[in-house]
């Protein structure tokens, strides 16, 4: 099996991580593209003593760290203010991408204890985030109830729970939420993507999509979500995604 064949199954999920880290489909996919170009240019430098997925994320993180260093050296305070802190990076790697603290430490160039400390810092920051109204677009009652409980436990309010395209758009226009959690397939067989696009046509709001088939939205072929949760989900994953989406405070799908 070639190196490309080994890495291919992991690329959609690297895109998910990159988009959550940057808050943007375009920027995240750009980092992934640059990472792959670096690997193609020097395949002998790719680490072969670790799992291919771990090696791929390590190559990406080197690209990310180099960009951080360039931004820091340029003194771009405006740009730096939008770069994900290491604490959030540790939380995304463990809570969203499912790496162990040891593997996350390998990726971030630190030890397990440091990763755990950084992740705890991120969780403490989540608790300090200002509350907002959250619109839940989900047609499965148990999942909707689970999300509602989680959102309220984080200190946010639920502005509405919609199960169809029309309900979602009407609720968003009536309450103008500060965050949207959206399923892809809705009760009236409409697409959650279309409902969100219509909402974003009215006003900008961060959006997190929830789907059992994330790879379908991680191709880079069209405007796609920056924040994506896979069903079935862990509460820690939702918490990390909500925090990161609110951190950037921008629409998840480009206009």
C-alpha atoms as a PDB file:
ATOM      1  CA  UNK A   1       0.000   0.000   0.000  1.00  0.00           C
ATOM      2  CA  UNK A   2       1.343   3.430  -0.945  1.00  0.00           C
ATOM      3  CA  UNK A   3       1.636   6.281   1.538  1.00  0.00           C
ATOM      4  CA  UNK A   4      -1.172   8.084  -0.268  1.00  0.00           C
ATOM      5  CA  UNK A   5      -3.460   5.078   0.130  1.00  0.00           C
ATOM      6  CA  UNK A   6      -2.632   4.863   3.829  1.00  0.00           C
ATOM      7  CA  UNK A   7      -3.434   8.533   4.413  1.00  0.00           C
ATOM      8  CA  UNK A   8      -6.561   8.840   2.243  1.00  0.00           C
ATOM      9  CA  UNK A   9      -9.081   7.469   4.815  1.00  0.00           C
ATOM     10  CA  UNK A  10      -7.901  10.017   7.387  1.00  0.00           C
ATOM     11  CA  UNK A  11      -8.082  13.133   5.210  1.00  0.00           C
ATOM     12  CA  UNK A  12     -11.785  13.955   5.800  1.00  0.00           C
ATOM     13  CA  UNK A  13     -11.214  13.971   9.545  1.00  0.00           C
ATOM     14  CA  UNK A  14      -8.046  16.045   9.248  1.00  0.00           C
ATOM     15  CA  UNK A  15     -10.206  18.532   7.332  1.00  0.00           C
ATOM     16  CA  UNK A  16     -12.674  18.523  10.233  1.00  0.00           C
ATOM     17  CA  UNK A  17      -9.883  19.266  12.702  1.00  0.00           C
ATOM     18  CA  UNK A  18      -8.339  21.931  10.473  1.00  0.00           C
ATOM     19  CA  UNK A  19     -11.665  23.707   9.944  1.00  0.00           C
ATOM     20  CA  UNK A  20     -12.465  23.691  13.667  1.00  0.00           C
ATOM     21  CA  UNK A  21      -8.967  24.963  14.430  1.00  0.00           C
ATOM     22  CA  UNK A  22      -9.225  27.854  11.955  1.00  0.00           C
ATOM     23  CA  UNK A  23     -13.003  28.450  12.090  1.00  0.00           C
ATOM     24  CA  UNK A  24     -13.123  28.373   8.293  1.00  0.00           C
ATOM     25  CA  UNK A  25     -13.581  25.797   5.549  1.00  0.00           C
ATOM     26  CA  UNK A  26     -11.286  27.685   3.184  1.00  0.00           C
ATOM     27  CA  UNK A  27      -8.500  28.294   5.693  1.00  0.00           C
ATOM     28  CA  UNK A  28      -8.710  24.801   7.143  1.00  0.00           C
ATOM     29  CA  UNK A  29      -8.640  23.109   3.753  1.00  0.00           C
ATOM     30  CA  UNK A  30      -5.756  25.395   2.779  1.00  0.00           C
ATOM     31  CA  UNK A  31      -3.706  24.122   5.713  1.00  0.00           C
ATOM     32  CA  UNK A  32      -4.514  20.521   4.773  1.00  0.00           C
ATOM     33  CA  UNK A  33      -3.483  21.187   1.168  1.00  0.00           C
ATOM     34  CA  UNK A  34      -0.188  22.724   2.298  1.00  0.00           C
ATOM     35  CA  UNK A  35       0.416  19.741   4.572  1.00  0.00           C
ATOM     36  CA  UNK A  36      -0.100  17.281   1.729  1.00  0.00           C
ATOM     37  CA  UNK A  37       2.170  19.292  -0.555  1.00  0.00           C
ATOM     38  CA  UNK A  38       4.894  19.120   2.087  1.00  0.00           C
ATOM     39  CA  UNK A  39       4.468  15.346   2.419  1.00  0.00           C
ATOM     40  CA  UNK A  40       4.560  14.844  -1.371  1.00  0.00           C
ATOM     41  CA  UNK A  41       7.676  16.995  -1.661  1.00  0.00           C
ATOM     42  CA  UNK A  42       9.563  14.953   0.958  1.00  0.00           C
ATOM     43  CA  UNK A  43       7.876  11.568   1.524  1.00  0.00           C
ATOM     44  CA  UNK A  44      11.020  10.189   3.183  1.00  0.00           C
ATOM     45  CA  UNK A  45      10.508  12.674   6.022  1.00  0.00           C
ATOM     46  CA  UNK A  46       7.076  11.279   6.873  1.00  0.00           C
ATOM     47  CA  UNK A  47       7.269   9.422  10.214  1.00  0.00           C
ATOM     48  CA  UNK A  48       6.926   5.695   9.610  1.00  0.00           C
ATOM     49  CA  UNK A  49       7.386   4.642  13.227  1.00  0.00           C
ATOM     50  CA  UNK A  50       3.861   5.760  14.215  1.00  0.00           C
ATOM     51  CA  UNK A  51       0.311   5.126  13.015  1.00  0.00           C
ATOM     52  CA  UNK A  52      -0.341   6.846   9.635  1.00  0.00           C
ATOM     53  CA  UNK A  53      -3.144   8.959  11.125  1.00  0.00           C
ATOM     54  CA  UNK A  54      -0.857  10.162  13.884  1.00  0.00           C
ATOM     55  CA  UNK A  55       1.868  10.933  11.358  1.00  0.00           C
ATOM     56  CA  UNK A  56      -0.568  12.867   9.180  1.00  0.00           C
ATOM     57  CA  UNK A  57      -1.778  15.030  12.060  1.00  0.00           C
ATOM     58  CA  UNK A  58       1.840  15.543  13.136  1.00  0.00           C
ATOM     59  CA  UNK A  59       2.701  16.850   9.674  1.00  0.00           C
ATOM     60  CA  UNK A  60      -0.315  19.148   9.824  1.00  0.00           C
ATOM     61  CA  UNK A  61       0.627  20.443  13.269  1.00  0.00           C
ATOM     62  CA  UNK A  62       4.134  21.271  12.061  1.00  0.00           C
ATOM     63  CA  UNK A  63       2.541  23.359   9.310  1.00  0.00           C
ATOM     64  CA  UNK A  64       0.241  25.010  11.859  1.00  0.00           C
ATOM     65  CA  UNK A  65       3.057  25.744  14.322  1.00  0.00           C
ATOM     66  CA  UNK A  66       5.194  27.270  11.570  1.00  0.00           C
ATOM     67  CA  UNK A  67       2.355  29.596  10.643  1.00  0.00           C
ATOM     68  CA  UNK A  68       1.882  30.581  14.288  1.00  0.00           C
ATOM     69  CA  UNK A  69       5.566  31.426  14.498  1.00  0.00           C
ATOM     70  CA  UNK A  70       5.352  33.527  11.320  1.00  0.00           C
ATOM     71  CA  UNK A  71       2.332  35.429  12.667  1.00  0.00           C
ATOM     72  CA  UNK A  72       4.083  36.006  15.987  1.00  0.00           C
ATOM     73  CA  UNK A  73       7.262  37.186  14.320  1.00  0.00           C
ATOM     74  CA  UNK A  74       5.304  39.586  12.130  1.00  0.00           C
ATOM     75  CA  UNK A  75       3.718  41.142  15.200  1.00  0.00           C
ATOM     76  CA  UNK A  76       0.241  40.700  13.739  1.00  0.00           C
ATOM     77  CA  UNK A  77      -1.823  41.179  16.874  1.00  0.00           C
ATOM     78  CA  UNK A  78      -5.059  41.222  14.915  1.00  0.00           C
ATOM     79  CA  UNK A  79      -4.240  37.927  13.273  1.00  0.00           C
ATOM     80  CA  UNK A  80      -2.938  36.387  16.481  1.00  0.00           C
ATOM     81  CA  UNK A  81      -6.194  37.198  18.226  1.00  0.00           C
ATOM     82  CA  UNK A  82      -7.914  34.781  15.841  1.00  0.00           C
ATOM     83  CA  UNK A  83      -5.416  31.940  16.181  1.00  0.00           C
ATOM     84  CA  UNK A  84      -6.658  29.041  18.290  1.00  0.00           C
ATOM     85  CA  UNK A  85      -4.703  28.931  21.588  1.00  0.00           C
ATOM     86  CA  UNK A  86      -2.819  25.757  22.490  1.00  0.00           C
ATOM     87  CA  UNK A  87      -5.327  25.037  25.241  1.00  0.00           C
ATOM     88  CA  UNK A  88      -8.130  24.798  22.689  1.00  0.00           C
ATOM     89  CA  UNK A  89      -5.910  22.801  20.368  1.00  0.00           C
ATOM     90  CA  UNK A  90      -5.384  20.236  23.131  1.00  0.00           C
ATOM     91  CA  UNK A  91      -9.138  20.043  23.735  1.00  0.00           C
ATOM     92  CA  UNK A  92      -9.931  19.633  20.034  1.00  0.00           C
ATOM     93  CA  UNK A  93      -7.355  16.867  19.619  1.00  0.00           C
ATOM     94  CA  UNK A  94      -8.652  14.888  22.596  1.00  0.00           C
ATOM     95  CA  UNK A  95     -12.380  15.687  22.712  1.00  0.00           C
ATOM     96  CA  UNK A  96     -13.157  16.074  18.994  1.00  0.00           C
ATOM     97  CA  UNK A  97     -10.522  13.952  17.269  1.00  0.00           C
ATOM     98  CA  UNK A  98     -10.341  11.259  19.944  1.00  0.00           C
ATOM     99  CA  UNK A  99      -6.574  11.179  20.443  1.00  0.00           C
ATOM    100  CA  UNK A 100      -5.265   9.990  23.779  1.00  0.00           C
ATOM    101  CA  UNK A 101      -3.434  12.582  25.890  1.00  0.00           C
ATOM    102  CA  UNK A 102      -0.202  10.749  25.053  1.00  0.00           C
ATOM    103  CA  UNK A 103      -0.828  10.968  21.302  1.00  0.00           C
ATOM    104  CA  UNK A 104      -1.960  14.582  21.582  1.00  0.00           C
ATOM    105  CA  UNK A 105       1.272  15.280  23.456  1.00  0.00           C
ATOM    106  CA  UNK A 106       3.233  13.737  20.584  1.00  0.00           C
ATOM    107  CA  UNK A 107       1.372  15.987  18.148  1.00  0.00           C
ATOM    108  CA  UNK A 108       1.843  19.137  20.216  1.00  0.00           C
ATOM    109  CA  UNK A 109       5.409  18.467  21.320  1.00  0.00           C
ATOM    110  CA  UNK A 110       4.661  18.135  25.038  1.00  0.00           C
ATOM    111  CA  UNK A 111       3.863  15.430  27.585  1.00  0.00           C
ATOM    112  CA  UNK A 112       0.578  13.929  28.726  1.00  0.00           C
ATOM    113  CA  UNK A 113       0.399  16.071  31.854  1.00  0.00           C
ATOM    114  CA  UNK A 114       0.771  19.251  29.794  1.00  0.00           C
ATOM    115  CA  UNK A 115      -1.983  18.174  27.405  1.00  0.00           C
ATOM    116  CA  UNK A 116      -4.346  17.447  30.288  1.00  0.00           C
ATOM    117  CA  UNK A 117      -3.512  20.785  31.904  1.00  0.00           C
ATOM    118  CA  UNK A 118      -4.086  22.642  28.624  1.00  0.00           C
ATOM    119  CA  UNK A 119      -7.404  20.858  28.045  1.00  0.00           C
ATOM    120  CA  UNK A 120      -8.530  21.782  31.551  1.00  0.00           C
ATOM    121  CA  UNK A 121      -7.623  25.405  30.827  1.00  0.00           C
ATOM    122  CA  UNK A 122      -9.847  25.255  27.754  1.00  0.00           C
ATOM    123  CA  UNK A 123     -12.712  23.761  29.749  1.00  0.00           C
ATOM    124  CA  UNK A 124     -12.376  26.494  32.357  1.00  0.00           C
ATOM    125  CA  UNK A 125     -12.489  29.066  29.569  1.00  0.00           C
ATOM    126  CA  UNK A 126     -15.667  27.467  28.230  1.00  0.00           C
ATOM    127  CA  UNK A 127     -17.343  28.033  31.583  1.00  0.00           C
ATOM    128  CA  UNK A 128     -16.418  31.720  31.384  1.00  0.00           C
ATOM    129  CA  UNK A 129     -17.884  32.247  27.904  1.00  0.00           C
ATOM    130  CA  UNK A 130     -20.850  34.635  27.759  1.00  0.00           C
ATOM    131  CA  UNK A 131     -24.190  32.878  27.372  1.00  0.00           C
ATOM    132  CA  UNK A 132     -26.104  32.985  24.124  1.00  0.00           C
ATOM    133  CA  UNK A 133     -29.362  31.706  22.601  1.00  0.00           C
ATOM    134  CA  UNK A 134     -29.027  28.416  20.712  1.00  0.00           C
ATOM    135  CA  UNK A 135     -31.365  27.145  17.987  1.00  0.00           C
ATOM    136  CA  UNK A 136     -31.474  23.338  17.747  1.00  0.00           C
ATOM    137  CA  UNK A 137     -32.515  21.921  14.368  1.00  0.00           C
ATOM    138  CA  UNK A 138     -33.007  18.201  15.007  1.00  0.00           C
ATOM    139  CA  UNK A 139     -35.888  15.860  14.161  1.00  0.00           C
ATOM    140  CA  UNK A 140     -34.944  13.008  16.521  1.00  0.00           C
ATOM    141  CA  UNK A 141     -36.612  13.830  19.881  1.00  0.00           C
ATOM    142  CA  UNK A 142     -34.116  12.033  22.112  1.00  0.00           C
ATOM    143  CA  UNK A 143     -31.142  13.697  20.433  1.00  0.00           C
ATOM    144  CA  UNK A 144     -32.874  17.087  20.580  1.00  0.00           C
ATOM    145  CA  UNK A 145     -33.533  16.633  24.304  1.00  0.00           C
ATOM    146  CA  UNK A 146     -29.936  15.551  24.888  1.00  0.00           C
ATOM    147  CA  UNK A 147     -28.625  18.614  23.059  1.00  0.00           C
ATOM    148  CA  UNK A 148     -31.009  20.908  24.917  1.00  0.00           C
ATOM    149  CA  UNK A 149     -29.807  19.594  28.280  1.00  0.00           C
ATOM    150  CA  UNK A 150     -26.174  19.935  27.255  1.00  0.00           C
ATOM    151  CA  UNK A 151     -26.672  23.489  25.976  1.00  0.00           C
ATOM    152  CA  UNK A 152     -28.416  24.562  29.186  1.00  0.00           C
ATOM    153  CA  UNK A 153     -25.752  22.873  31.314  1.00  0.00           C
ATOM    154  CA  UNK A 154     -23.187  25.067  29.547  1.00  0.00           C
ATOM    155  CA  UNK A 155     -25.135  28.123  30.650  1.00  0.00           C
ATOM    156  CA  UNK A 156     -26.782  28.926  27.322  1.00  0.00           C
ATOM    157  CA  UNK A 157     -30.494  29.299  26.547  1.00  0.00           C
ATOM    158  CA  UNK A 158     -32.402  27.370  23.869  1.00  0.00           C
ATOM    159  CA  UNK A 159     -34.297  29.756  21.597  1.00  0.00           C
ATOM    160  CA  UNK A 160     -36.166  26.927  19.881  1.00  0.00           C
ATOM    161  CA  UNK A 161     -36.150  23.329  18.661  1.00  0.00           C
ATOM    162  CA  UNK A 162     -37.086  22.913  14.998  1.00  0.00           C
ATOM    163  CA  UNK A 163     -37.735  19.644  13.144  1.00  0.00           C
ATOM    164  CA  UNK A 164     -38.355  20.976   9.631  1.00  0.00           C
ATOM    165  CA  UNK A 165     -36.819  23.484   7.235  1.00  0.00           C
ATOM    166  CA  UNK A 166     -39.668  25.975   7.612  1.00  0.00           C
ATOM    167  CA  UNK A 167     -39.699  25.727  11.414  1.00  0.00           C
ATOM    168  CA  UNK A 168     -35.956  26.323  11.529  1.00  0.00           C
ATOM    169  CA  UNK A 169     -36.046  29.409   9.339  1.00  0.00           C
ATOM    170  CA  UNK A 170     -39.074  30.863  11.137  1.00  0.00           C
ATOM    171  CA  UNK A 171     -37.523  30.288  14.578  1.00  0.00           C
ATOM    172  CA  UNK A 172     -34.221  31.852  13.518  1.00  0.00           C
ATOM    173  CA  UNK A 173     -35.946  34.928  12.118  1.00  0.00           C
ATOM    174  CA  UNK A 174     -38.084  35.332  15.233  1.00  0.00           C
ATOM    175  CA  UNK A 175     -35.315  34.947  17.844  1.00  0.00           C
ATOM    176  CA  UNK A 176     -32.010  35.507  15.977  1.00  0.00           C
ATOM    177  CA  UNK A 177     -29.961  32.950  17.950  1.00  0.00           C
ATOM    178  CA  UNK A 178     -26.267  33.336  18.663  1.00  0.00           C
ATOM    179  CA  UNK A 179     -25.531  29.728  17.653  1.00  0.00           C
ATOM    180  CA  UNK A 180     -27.230  27.025  15.582  1.00  0.00           C
ATOM    181  CA  UNK A 181     -26.892  23.253  16.052  1.00  0.00           C
ATOM    182  CA  UNK A 182     -28.238  21.599  12.902  1.00  0.00           C
ATOM    183  CA  UNK A 183     -28.916  18.061  11.755  1.00  0.00           C
ATOM    184  CA  UNK A 184     -28.536  17.360   8.044  1.00  0.00           C
ATOM    185  CA  UNK A 185     -31.680  15.310   7.387  1.00  0.00           C
ATOM    186  CA  UNK A 186     -34.905  16.861   8.720  1.00  0.00           C
ATOM    187  CA  UNK A 187     -38.404  15.505   9.391  1.00  0.00           C
ATOM    188  CA  UNK A 188     -39.907  16.851   6.156  1.00  0.00           C
ATOM    189  CA  UNK A 189     -37.097  15.188   4.136  1.00  0.00           C
ATOM    190  CA  UNK A 190     -35.558  18.590   3.565  1.00  0.00           C
ATOM    191  CA  UNK A 191     -31.859  19.300   4.016  1.00  0.00           C
ATOM    192  CA  UNK A 192     -30.559  21.036   7.100  1.00  0.00           C
ATOM    193  CA  UNK A 193     -27.851  22.599   4.952  1.00  0.00           C
ATOM    194  CA  UNK A 194     -30.484  24.390   2.907  1.00  0.00           C
ATOM    195  CA  UNK A 195     -32.254  25.657   6.028  1.00  0.00           C
ATOM    196  CA  UNK A 196     -28.976  26.987   7.397  1.00  0.00           C
ATOM    197  CA  UNK A 197     -28.075  28.636   4.105  1.00  0.00           C
ATOM    198  CA  UNK A 198     -31.403  30.464   4.180  1.00  0.00           C
ATOM    199  CA  UNK A 199     -30.813  31.549   7.786  1.00  0.00           C
ATOM    200  CA  UNK A 200     -27.326  32.784   6.925  1.00  0.00           C
ATOM    201  CA  UNK A 201     -28.858  34.799   4.108  1.00  0.00           C
ATOM    202  CA  UNK A 202     -30.607  36.848   6.801  1.00  0.00           C
ATOM    203  CA  UNK A 203     -27.801  37.215   9.349  1.00  0.00           C
ATOM    204  CA  UNK A 204     -24.423  35.752  10.317  1.00  0.00           C
ATOM    205  CA  UNK A 205     -24.412  33.128  13.056  1.00  0.00           C
ATOM    206  CA  UNK A 206     -22.002  30.296  13.958  1.00  0.00           C
ATOM    207  CA  UNK A 207     -23.349  26.891  12.920  1.00  0.00           C
ATOM    208  CA  UNK A 208     -22.389  23.386  14.031  1.00  0.00           C
ATOM    209  CA  UNK A 209     -23.663  20.504  11.909  1.00  0.00           C
ATOM    210  CA  UNK A 210     -24.455  17.101  13.373  1.00  0.00           C
ATOM    211  CA  UNK A 211     -24.466  14.081  11.070  1.00  0.00           C
ATOM    212  CA  UNK A 212     -23.846  10.354  10.975  1.00  0.00           C
ATOM    213  CA  UNK A 213     -21.941  10.788   7.690  1.00  0.00           C
ATOM    214  CA  UNK A 214     -19.370  13.566   8.239  1.00  0.00           C
ATOM    215  CA  UNK A 215     -17.201  12.480   5.312  1.00  0.00           C
ATOM    216  CA  UNK A 216     -19.952  13.673   2.935  1.00  0.00           C
ATOM    217  CA  UNK A 217     -19.387  17.223   4.171  1.00  0.00           C
ATOM    218  CA  UNK A 218     -15.605  17.105   4.317  1.00  0.00           C
ATOM    219  CA  UNK A 219     -14.647  16.912   0.667  1.00  0.00           C
ATOM    220  CA  UNK A 220     -13.715  20.550   0.066  1.00  0.00           C
ATOM    221  CA  UNK A 221     -15.687  20.521  -3.201  1.00  0.00           C
ATOM    222  CA  UNK A 222     -18.289  23.136  -2.209  1.00  0.00           C
ATOM    223  CA  UNK A 223     -19.109  25.516   0.643  1.00  0.00           C
ATOM    224  CA  UNK A 224     -19.250  23.224   3.647  1.00  0.00           C
ATOM    225  CA  UNK A 225     -19.456  23.612   7.443  1.00  0.00           C
ATOM    226  CA  UNK A 226     -16.460  24.627   9.492  1.00  0.00           C
ATOM    227  CA  UNK A 227     -17.830  22.850  12.577  1.00  0.00           C
ATOM    228  CA  UNK A 228     -19.011  19.275  12.315  1.00  0.00           C
ATOM    229  CA  UNK A 229     -20.005  16.671  14.926  1.00  0.00           C
ATOM    230  CA  UNK A 230     -20.344  12.979  14.169  1.00  0.00           C
ATOM    231  CA  UNK A 231     -23.327  10.952  15.386  1.00  0.00           C
ATOM    232  CA  UNK A 232     -23.385   9.277  17.835  1.00  0.00           C
ATOM    233  CA  UNK A 233     -21.571  12.047  19.689  1.00  0.00           C
ATOM    234  CA  UNK A 234     -19.900  12.454  23.039  1.00  0.00           C
ATOM    235  CA  UNK A 235     -20.898  15.386  25.247  1.00  0.00           C
ATOM    236  CA  UNK A 236     -17.261  16.468  25.404  1.00  0.00           C
ATOM    237  CA  UNK A 237     -17.195  16.688  21.601  1.00  0.00           C
ATOM    238  CA  UNK A 238     -20.269  18.917  21.498  1.00  0.00           C
ATOM    239  CA  UNK A 239     -18.889  21.082  24.286  1.00  0.00           C
ATOM    240  CA  UNK A 240     -15.577  21.568  22.434  1.00  0.00           C
ATOM    241  CA  UNK A 241     -17.341  22.372  19.161  1.00  0.00           C
ATOM    242  CA  UNK A 242     -19.722  24.878  20.767  1.00  0.00           C
ATOM    243  CA  UNK A 243     -16.858  26.612  22.506  1.00  0.00           C
ATOM    244  CA  UNK A 244     -14.762  26.824  19.340  1.00  0.00           C
ATOM    245  CA  UNK A 245     -17.671  28.055  17.218  1.00  0.00           C
ATOM    246  CA  UNK A 246     -18.443  30.814  19.716  1.00  0.00           C
ATOM    247  CA  UNK A 247     -14.719  31.615  19.952  1.00  0.00           C
ATOM    248  CA  UNK A 248     -14.698  32.551  16.291  1.00  0.00           C
ATOM    249  CA  UNK A 249     -18.220  33.952  16.320  1.00  0.00           C
ATOM    250  CA  UNK A 250     -18.684  33.693  12.584  1.00  0.00           C
ATOM    251  CA  UNK A 251     -20.912  31.841  10.121  1.00  0.00           C
ATOM    252  CA  UNK A 252     -19.829  28.256   9.622  1.00  0.00           C
ATOM    253  CA  UNK A 253     -20.666  28.239   5.907  1.00  0.00           C
ATOM    254  CA  UNK A 254     -19.197  30.896   3.649  1.00  0.00           C
ATOM    255  CA  UNK A 255     -21.747  33.113   1.938  1.00  0.00           C
END
